[in-house]
Amino acid sequence: AVQRLVYQHDDTVLVAATGYGKSAVLYTVSALTEKITIQIVPLTKLGENQRDDITRNVPNSKPVWIDADTHLKVYCPEPLSP
């Protein structure tokens, strides 16, 4: 999956069971390309845990967790432009 994304620039769908390293693919692609990756996570706690893991284990990373309540958690001094 990493080879297809980084070197071949192909669209890729990766489906694997829990614990097979799907998230590691995203971390690796971001680290090798310095591009933004987006991961859709259906479970809030899992997403928050992954954000925390990235923060601890990937130097200079800036993971962001966005969910339905993000607008309630983030202070924005100026309104966002449409």
PDB file of N, CA and C in Angstrom:
ATOM      1  N   ALA A   1       0.826  -1.195   0.000  1.00  0.00           N
ATOM      2  CA  ALA A   1       0.000   0.000   0.000  1.00  0.00           C
ATOM      3  C   ALA A   1       0.869   1.257   0.000  1.00  0.00           C
ATOM      4  N   VAL A   2       1.934   1.243   0.808  1.00  0.00           N
ATOM      5  CA  VAL A   2       2.827   2.411   0.852  1.00  0.00           C
ATOM      6  C   VAL A   2       3.475   2.626  -0.511  1.00  0.00           C
ATOM      7  N   GLN A   3       3.933   1.569  -1.118  1.00  0.00           N
ATOM      8  CA  GLN A   3       4.572   1.683  -2.436  1.00  0.00           C
ATOM      9  C   GLN A   3       3.607   2.288  -3.454  1.00  0.00           C
ATOM     10  N   ARG A   4       2.378   1.816  -3.477  1.00  0.00           N
ATOM     11  CA  ARG A   4       1.395   2.348  -4.437  1.00  0.00           C
ATOM     12  C   ARG A   4       1.133   3.825  -4.198  1.00  0.00           C
ATOM     13  N   LEU A   5       1.000   4.215  -2.934  1.00  0.00           N
ATOM     14  CA  LEU A   5       0.676   5.604  -2.617  1.00  0.00           C
ATOM     15  C   LEU A   5       1.847   6.552  -2.831  1.00  0.00           C
ATOM     16  N   VAL A   6       3.034   6.153  -2.390  1.00  0.00           N
ATOM     17  CA  VAL A   6       4.189   7.052  -2.420  1.00  0.00           C
ATOM     18  C   VAL A   6       4.874   7.067  -3.780  1.00  0.00           C
ATOM     19  N   TYR A   7       5.074   5.901  -4.372  1.00  0.00           N
ATOM     20  CA  TYR A   7       5.880   5.828  -5.581  1.00  0.00           C
ATOM     21  C   TYR A   7       5.063   5.741  -6.866  1.00  0.00           C
ATOM     22  N   GLN A   8       3.911   5.109  -6.814  1.00  0.00           N
ATOM     23  CA  GLN A   8       3.101   4.962  -8.016  1.00  0.00           C
ATOM     24  C   GLN A   8       1.963   5.977  -8.073  1.00  0.00           C
ATOM     25  N   HIS A   9       1.711   6.661  -6.961  1.00  0.00           N
ATOM     26  CA  HIS A   9       0.657   7.675  -6.868  1.00  0.00           C
ATOM     27  C   HIS A   9      -0.698   7.120  -7.306  1.00  0.00           C
ATOM     28  N   ASP A  10      -0.962   5.871  -6.946  1.00  0.00           N
ATOM     29  CA  ASP A  10      -2.225   5.219  -7.312  1.00  0.00           C
ATOM     30  C   ASP A  10      -3.228   5.342  -6.179  1.00  0.00           C
ATOM     31  N   ASP A  11      -4.515   5.434  -6.538  1.00  0.00           N
ATOM     32  CA  ASP A  11      -5.565   5.333  -5.537  1.00  0.00           C
ATOM     33  C   ASP A  11      -5.470   3.946  -4.920  1.00  0.00           C
ATOM     34  N   THR A  12      -5.707   3.880  -3.632  1.00  0.00           N
ATOM     35  CA  THR A  12      -5.530   2.613  -2.935  1.00  0.00           C
ATOM     36  C   THR A  12      -6.605   2.448  -1.877  1.00  0.00           C
ATOM     37  N   VAL A  13      -7.184   1.269  -1.817  1.00  0.00           N
ATOM     38  CA  VAL A  13      -8.105   0.917  -0.746  1.00  0.00           C
ATOM     39  C   VAL A  13      -7.459  -0.245  -0.001  1.00  0.00           C
ATOM     40  N   LEU A  14      -7.277  -0.069   1.293  1.00  0.00           N
ATOM     41  CA  LEU A  14      -6.655  -1.098   2.116  1.00  0.00           C
ATOM     42  C   LEU A  14      -7.678  -1.569   3.140  1.00  0.00           C
ATOM     43  N   VAL A  15      -8.023  -2.831   3.067  1.00  0.00           N
ATOM     44  CA  VAL A  15      -8.958  -3.426   4.019  1.00  0.00           C
ATOM     45  C   VAL A  15      -8.226  -4.565   4.715  1.00  0.00           C
ATOM     46  N   ALA A  16      -8.139  -4.467   6.033  1.00  0.00           N
ATOM     47  CA  ALA A  16      -7.453  -5.508   6.800  1.00  0.00           C
ATOM     48  C   ALA A  16      -8.036  -5.515   8.211  1.00  0.00           C
ATOM     49  N   ALA A  17      -7.843  -6.610   8.894  1.00  0.00           N
ATOM     50  CA  ALA A  17      -8.371  -6.764  10.250  1.00  0.00           C
ATOM     51  C   ALA A  17      -7.621  -5.868  11.234  1.00  0.00           C
ATOM     52  N   THR A  18      -8.182  -5.717  12.402  1.00  0.00           N
ATOM     53  CA  THR A  18      -7.560  -4.950  13.475  1.00  0.00           C
ATOM     54  C   THR A  18      -6.166  -5.506  13.778  1.00  0.00           C
ATOM     55  N   GLY A  19      -5.209  -4.602  13.917  1.00  0.00           N
ATOM     56  CA  GLY A  19      -3.864  -5.001  14.279  1.00  0.00           C
ATOM     57  C   GLY A  19      -2.937  -5.302  13.120  1.00  0.00           C
ATOM     58  N   TYR A  20      -3.396  -5.116  11.879  1.00  0.00           N
ATOM     59  CA  TYR A  20      -2.568  -5.424  10.723  1.00  0.00           C
ATOM     60  C   TYR A  20      -1.751  -4.237  10.221  1.00  0.00           C
ATOM     61  N   GLY A  21      -1.862  -3.066  10.849  1.00  0.00           N
ATOM     62  CA  GLY A  21      -1.001  -1.950  10.496  1.00  0.00           C
ATOM     63  C   GLY A  21      -1.552  -0.963   9.492  1.00  0.00           C
ATOM     64  N   LYS A  22      -2.860  -0.905   9.357  1.00  0.00           N
ATOM     65  CA  LYS A  22      -3.452   0.047   8.411  1.00  0.00           C
ATOM     66  C   LYS A  22      -3.057   1.477   8.761  1.00  0.00           C
ATOM     67  N   SER A  23      -3.089   1.818  10.017  1.00  0.00           N
ATOM     68  CA  SER A  23      -2.736   3.180  10.435  1.00  0.00           C
ATOM     69  C   SER A  23      -1.269   3.474  10.175  1.00  0.00           C
ATOM     70  N   ALA A  24      -0.417   2.477  10.310  1.00  0.00           N
ATOM     71  CA  ALA A  24       1.008   2.679  10.048  1.00  0.00           C
ATOM     72  C   ALA A  24       1.247   3.094   8.601  1.00  0.00           C
ATOM     73  N   VAL A  25       0.407   2.622   7.707  1.00  0.00           N
ATOM     74  CA  VAL A  25       0.518   3.031   6.303  1.00  0.00           C
ATOM     75  C   VAL A  25       0.315   4.536   6.188  1.00  0.00           C
ATOM     76  N   LEU A  26      -0.696   5.063   6.857  1.00  0.00           N
ATOM     77  CA  LEU A  26      -0.946   6.505   6.797  1.00  0.00           C
ATOM     78  C   LEU A  26       0.201   7.293   7.407  1.00  0.00           C
ATOM     79  N   TYR A  27       0.727   6.852   8.543  1.00  0.00           N
ATOM     80  CA  TYR A  27       1.842   7.549   9.178  1.00  0.00           C
ATOM     81  C   TYR A  27       3.052   7.565   8.250  1.00  0.00           C
ATOM     82  N   THR A  28       3.318   6.430   7.620  1.00  0.00           N
ATOM     83  CA  THR A  28       4.476   6.308   6.736  1.00  0.00           C
ATOM     84  C   THR A  28       4.335   7.204   5.517  1.00  0.00           C
ATOM     85  N   VAL A  29       3.156   7.202   4.924  1.00  0.00           N
ATOM     86  CA  VAL A  29       2.929   8.042   3.745  1.00  0.00           C
ATOM     87  C   VAL A  29       3.117   9.510   4.101  1.00  0.00           C
ATOM     88  N   SER A  30       2.582   9.939   5.222  1.00  0.00           N
ATOM     89  CA  SER A  30       2.750  11.327   5.652  1.00  0.00           C
ATOM     90  C   SER A  30       4.217  11.657   5.887  1.00  0.00           C
ATOM     91  N   ALA A  31       4.938  10.740   6.522  1.00  0.00           N
ATOM     92  CA  ALA A  31       6.349  10.984   6.825  1.00  0.00           C
ATOM     93  C   ALA A  31       7.200  11.035   5.555  1.00  0.00           C
ATOM     94  N   LEU A  32       6.920  10.169   4.593  1.00  0.00           N
ATOM     95  CA  LEU A  32       7.720  10.115   3.374  1.00  0.00           C
ATOM     96  C   LEU A  32       7.402  11.236   2.394  1.00  0.00           C
ATOM     97  N   THR A  33       6.169  11.680   2.381  1.00  0.00           N
ATOM     98  CA  THR A  33       5.755  12.666   1.378  1.00  0.00           C
ATOM     99  C   THR A  33       5.550  14.063   1.943  1.00  0.00           C
ATOM    100  N   GLU A  34       5.471  14.178   3.268  1.00  0.00           N
ATOM    101  CA  GLU A  34       5.152  15.436   3.932  1.00  0.00           C
ATOM    102  C   GLU A  34       3.810  16.007   3.454  1.00  0.00           C
ATOM    103  N   LYS A  35       2.906  15.120   3.047  1.00  0.00           N
ATOM    104  CA  LYS A  35       1.564  15.511   2.638  1.00  0.00           C
ATOM    105  C   LYS A  35       0.576  15.165   3.743  1.00  0.00           C
ATOM    106  N   ILE A  36      -0.568  15.787   3.674  1.00  0.00           N
ATOM    107  CA  ILE A  36      -1.626  15.531   4.638  1.00  0.00           C
ATOM    108  C   ILE A  36      -2.329  14.231   4.269  1.00  0.00           C
ATOM    109  N   THR A  37      -2.567  13.397   5.263  1.00  0.00           N
ATOM    110  CA  THR A  37      -3.381  12.207   5.053  1.00  0.00           C
ATOM    111  C   THR A  37      -4.630  12.324   5.911  1.00  0.00           C
ATOM    112  N   ILE A  38      -5.700  11.764   5.424  1.00  0.00           N
ATOM    113  CA  ILE A  38      -6.971  11.795   6.142  1.00  0.00           C
ATOM    114  C   ILE A  38      -7.404  10.361   6.381  1.00  0.00           C
ATOM    115  N   GLN A  39      -7.737  10.079   7.622  1.00  0.00           N
ATOM    116  CA  GLN A  39      -8.205   8.755   7.994  1.00  0.00           C
ATOM    117  C   GLN A  39      -9.604   8.898   8.568  1.00  0.00           C
ATOM    118  N   ILE A  40     -10.536   8.139   8.056  1.00  0.00           N
ATOM    119  CA  ILE A  40     -11.904   8.146   8.565  1.00  0.00           C
ATOM    120  C   ILE A  40     -12.019   7.015   9.583  1.00  0.00           C
ATOM    121  N   VAL A  41     -12.377   7.391  10.804  1.00  0.00           N
ATOM    122  CA  VAL A  41     -12.454   6.430  11.904  1.00  0.00           C
ATOM    123  C   VAL A  41     -13.877   6.462  12.457  1.00  0.00           C
ATOM    124  N   PRO A  42     -14.589   5.334  12.428  1.00  0.00           N
ATOM    125  CA  PRO A  42     -15.986   5.335  12.872  1.00  0.00           C
ATOM    126  C   PRO A  42     -16.170   5.375  14.390  1.00  0.00           C
ATOM    127  N   LEU A  43     -15.118   5.145  15.147  1.00  0.00           N
ATOM    128  CA  LEU A  43     -15.242   5.102  16.598  1.00  0.00           C
ATOM    129  C   LEU A  43     -14.441   6.234  17.230  1.00  0.00           C
ATOM    130  N   THR A  44     -15.102   7.083  18.011  1.00  0.00           N
ATOM    131  CA  THR A  44     -14.468   8.248  18.606  1.00  0.00           C
ATOM    132  C   THR A  44     -13.263   7.887  19.452  1.00  0.00           C
ATOM    133  N   LYS A  45     -13.395   6.950  20.348  1.00  0.00           N
ATOM    134  CA  LYS A  45     -12.295   6.605  21.257  1.00  0.00           C
ATOM    135  C   LYS A  45     -11.095   6.085  20.480  1.00  0.00           C
ATOM    136  N   LEU A  46     -11.323   5.261  19.462  1.00  0.00           N
ATOM    137  CA  LEU A  46     -10.237   4.739  18.635  1.00  0.00           C
ATOM    138  C   LEU A  46      -9.506   5.886  17.939  1.00  0.00           C
ATOM    139  N   GLY A  47     -10.240   6.823  17.381  1.00  0.00           N
ATOM    140  CA  GLY A  47      -9.629   7.961  16.708  1.00  0.00           C
ATOM    141  C   GLY A  47      -8.804   8.817  17.645  1.00  0.00           C
ATOM    142  N   GLU A  48      -9.336   9.053  18.833  1.00  0.00           N
ATOM    143  CA  GLU A  48      -8.590   9.843  19.819  1.00  0.00           C
ATOM    144  C   GLU A  48      -7.312   9.115  20.247  1.00  0.00           C
ATOM    145  N   ASN A  49      -7.403   7.802  20.423  1.00  0.00           N
ATOM    146  CA  ASN A  49      -6.218   7.014  20.790  1.00  0.00           C
ATOM    147  C   ASN A  49      -5.162   7.074  19.691  1.00  0.00           C
ATOM    148  N   GLN A  50      -5.588   6.981  18.433  1.00  0.00           N
ATOM    149  CA  GLN A  50      -4.637   7.037  17.331  1.00  0.00           C
ATOM    150  C   GLN A  50      -3.986   8.415  17.245  1.00  0.00           C
ATOM    151  N   ARG A  51      -4.753   9.463  17.451  1.00  0.00           N
ATOM    152  CA  ARG A  51      -4.185  10.812  17.468  1.00  0.00           C
ATOM    153  C   ARG A  51      -3.110  10.913  18.541  1.00  0.00           C
ATOM    154  N   ASP A  52      -3.403  10.403  19.731  1.00  0.00           N
ATOM    155  CA  ASP A  52      -2.445  10.455  20.833  1.00  0.00           C
ATOM    156  C   ASP A  52      -1.199   9.622  20.526  1.00  0.00           C
ATOM    157  N   ASP A  53      -1.381   8.449  19.895  1.00  0.00           N
ATOM    158  CA  ASP A  53      -0.243   7.609  19.521  1.00  0.00           C
ATOM    159  C   ASP A  53       0.659   8.313  18.512  1.00  0.00           C
ATOM    160  N   ILE A  54       0.053   8.975  17.546  1.00  0.00           N
ATOM    161  CA  ILE A  54       0.841   9.703  16.544  1.00  0.00           C
ATOM    162  C   ILE A  54       1.635  10.811  17.219  1.00  0.00           C
ATOM    163  N   THR A  55       0.984  11.556  18.104  1.00  0.00           N
ATOM    164  CA  THR A  55       1.646  12.647  18.806  1.00  0.00           C
ATOM    165  C   THR A  55       2.869  12.148  19.569  1.00  0.00           C
ATOM    166  N   ARG A  56       2.734  10.996  20.228  1.00  0.00           N
ATOM    167  CA  ARG A  56       3.834  10.439  21.024  1.00  0.00           C
ATOM    168  C   ARG A  56       4.942   9.835  20.168  1.00  0.00           C
ATOM    169  N   ASN A  57       4.578   9.215  19.051  1.00  0.00           N
ATOM    170  CA  ASN A  57       5.533   8.375  18.325  1.00  0.00           C
ATOM    171  C   ASN A  57       6.062   8.924  17.009  1.00  0.00           C
ATOM    172  N   VAL A  58       5.463   9.975  16.489  1.00  0.00           N
ATOM    173  CA  VAL A  58       5.900  10.516  15.200  1.00  0.00           C
ATOM    174  C   VAL A  58       6.402  11.943  15.416  1.00  0.00           C
ATOM    175  N   PRO A  59       7.725  12.130  15.418  1.00  0.00           N
ATOM    176  CA  PRO A  59       8.279  13.460  15.659  1.00  0.00           C
ATOM    177  C   PRO A  59       7.767  14.491  14.643  1.00  0.00           C
ATOM    178  N   ASN A  60       7.542  15.688  15.117  1.00  0.00           N
ATOM    179  CA  ASN A  60       7.113  16.818  14.283  1.00  0.00           C
ATOM    180  C   ASN A  60       5.747  16.618  13.628  1.00  0.00           C
ATOM    181  N   SER A  61       4.962  15.668  14.122  1.00  0.00           N
ATOM    182  CA  SER A  61       3.634  15.463  13.561  1.00  0.00           C
ATOM    183  C   SER A  61       2.646  16.438  14.196  1.00  0.00           C
ATOM    184  N   LYS A  62       1.572  16.692  13.492  1.00  0.00           N
ATOM    185  CA  LYS A  62       0.539  17.596  13.997  1.00  0.00           C
ATOM    186  C   LYS A  62      -0.833  16.969  13.749  1.00  0.00           C
ATOM    187  N   PRO A  63      -1.116  15.846  14.405  1.00  0.00           N
ATOM    188  CA  PRO A  63      -2.410  15.197  14.158  1.00  0.00           C
ATOM    189  C   PRO A  63      -3.561  16.028  14.716  1.00  0.00           C
ATOM    190  N   VAL A  64      -4.675  15.958  14.034  1.00  0.00           N
ATOM    191  CA  VAL A  64      -5.881  16.676  14.444  1.00  0.00           C
ATOM    192  C   VAL A  64      -7.033  15.683  14.448  1.00  0.00           C
ATOM    193  N   TRP A  65      -7.824  15.703  15.503  1.00  0.00           N
ATOM    194  CA  TRP A  65      -9.019  14.864  15.586  1.00  0.00           C
ATOM    195  C   TRP A  65     -10.225  15.773  15.414  1.00  0.00           C
ATOM    196  N   ILE A  66     -11.047  15.487  14.434  1.00  0.00           N
ATOM    197  CA  ILE A  66     -12.250  16.270  14.183  1.00  0.00           C
ATOM    198  C   ILE A  66     -13.444  15.341  14.308  1.00  0.00           C
ATOM    199  N   ASP A  67     -14.421  15.746  15.123  1.00  0.00           N
ATOM    200  CA  ASP A  67     -15.642  14.960  15.244  1.00  0.00           C
ATOM    201  C   ASP A  67     -16.841  15.903  15.294  1.00  0.00           C
ATOM    202  N   ALA A  68     -17.997  15.355  15.547  1.00  0.00           N
ATOM    203  CA  ALA A  68     -19.231  16.146  15.529  1.00  0.00           C
ATOM    204  C   ALA A  68     -19.238  17.243  16.584  1.00  0.00           C
ATOM    205  N   ASP A  69     -18.444  17.093  17.634  1.00  0.00           N
ATOM    206  CA  ASP A  69     -18.416  18.084  18.707  1.00  0.00           C
ATOM    207  C   ASP A  69     -17.221  19.027  18.637  1.00  0.00           C
ATOM    208  N   THR A  70     -16.439  18.961  17.581  1.00  0.00           N
ATOM    209  CA  THR A  70     -15.232  19.784  17.482  1.00  0.00           C
ATOM    210  C   THR A  70     -15.550  21.260  17.647  1.00  0.00           C
ATOM    211  N   HIS A  71     -16.626  21.711  17.053  1.00  0.00           N
ATOM    212  CA  HIS A  71     -16.956  23.135  17.144  1.00  0.00           C
ATOM    213  C   HIS A  71     -17.214  23.570  18.590  1.00  0.00           C
ATOM    214  N   LEU A  72     -17.535  22.630  19.459  1.00  0.00           N
ATOM    215  CA  LEU A  72     -17.752  22.945  20.863  1.00  0.00           C
ATOM    216  C   LEU A  72     -16.445  22.965  21.656  1.00  0.00           C
ATOM    217  N   LYS A  73     -15.400  22.340  21.121  1.00  0.00           N
ATOM    218  CA  LYS A  73     -14.139  22.183  21.839  1.00  0.00           C
ATOM    219  C   LYS A  73     -13.087  23.215  21.438  1.00  0.00           C
ATOM    220  N   VAL A  74     -13.214  23.791  20.259  1.00  0.00           N
ATOM    221  CA  VAL A  74     -12.169  24.644  19.715  1.00  0.00           C
ATOM    222  C   VAL A  74     -12.576  26.103  19.805  1.00  0.00           C
ATOM    223  N   TYR A  75     -11.701  26.924  20.372  1.00  0.00           N
ATOM    224  CA  TYR A  75     -11.957  28.360  20.434  1.00  0.00           C
ATOM    225  C   TYR A  75     -11.363  28.989  19.180  1.00  0.00           C
ATOM    226  N   CYS A  76     -12.165  29.715  18.470  1.00  0.00           N
ATOM    227  CA  CYS A  76     -11.715  30.411  17.274  1.00  0.00           C
ATOM    228  C   CYS A  76     -12.006  31.892  17.476  1.00  0.00           C
ATOM    229  N   PRO A  77     -10.970  32.722  17.672  1.00  0.00           N
ATOM    230  CA  PRO A  77     -11.196  34.136  17.976  1.00  0.00           C
ATOM    231  C   PRO A  77     -11.859  34.897  16.845  1.00  0.00           C
ATOM    232  N   GLU A  78     -11.657  34.479  15.617  1.00  0.00           N
ATOM    233  CA  GLU A  78     -12.295  35.145  14.479  1.00  0.00           C
ATOM    234  C   GLU A  78     -13.132  34.121  13.734  1.00  0.00           C
ATOM    235  N   PRO A  79     -14.281  34.530  13.211  1.00  0.00           N
ATOM    236  CA  PRO A  79     -15.111  33.581  12.460  1.00  0.00           C
ATOM    237  C   PRO A  79     -14.371  33.077  11.232  1.00  0.00           C
ATOM    238  N   LEU A  80     -14.589  31.798  10.921  1.00  0.00           N
ATOM    239  CA  LEU A  80     -13.982  31.224   9.731  1.00  0.00           C
ATOM    240  C   LEU A  80     -14.694  31.741   8.490  1.00  0.00           C
ATOM    241  N   SER A  81     -13.934  31.967   7.436  1.00  0.00           N
ATOM    242  CA  SER A  81     -14.523  32.430   6.177  1.00  0.00           C
ATOM    243  C   SER A  81     -15.279  31.290   5.523  1.00  0.00           C
ATOM    244  N   PRO A  82     -16.387  31.604   4.844  1.00  0.00           N
ATOM    245  CA  PRO A  82     -17.147  30.534   4.172  1.00  0.00           C
ATOM    246  C   PRO A  82     -16.404  29.962   2.999  1.00  0.00           C
TER     247      PRO A  82
END
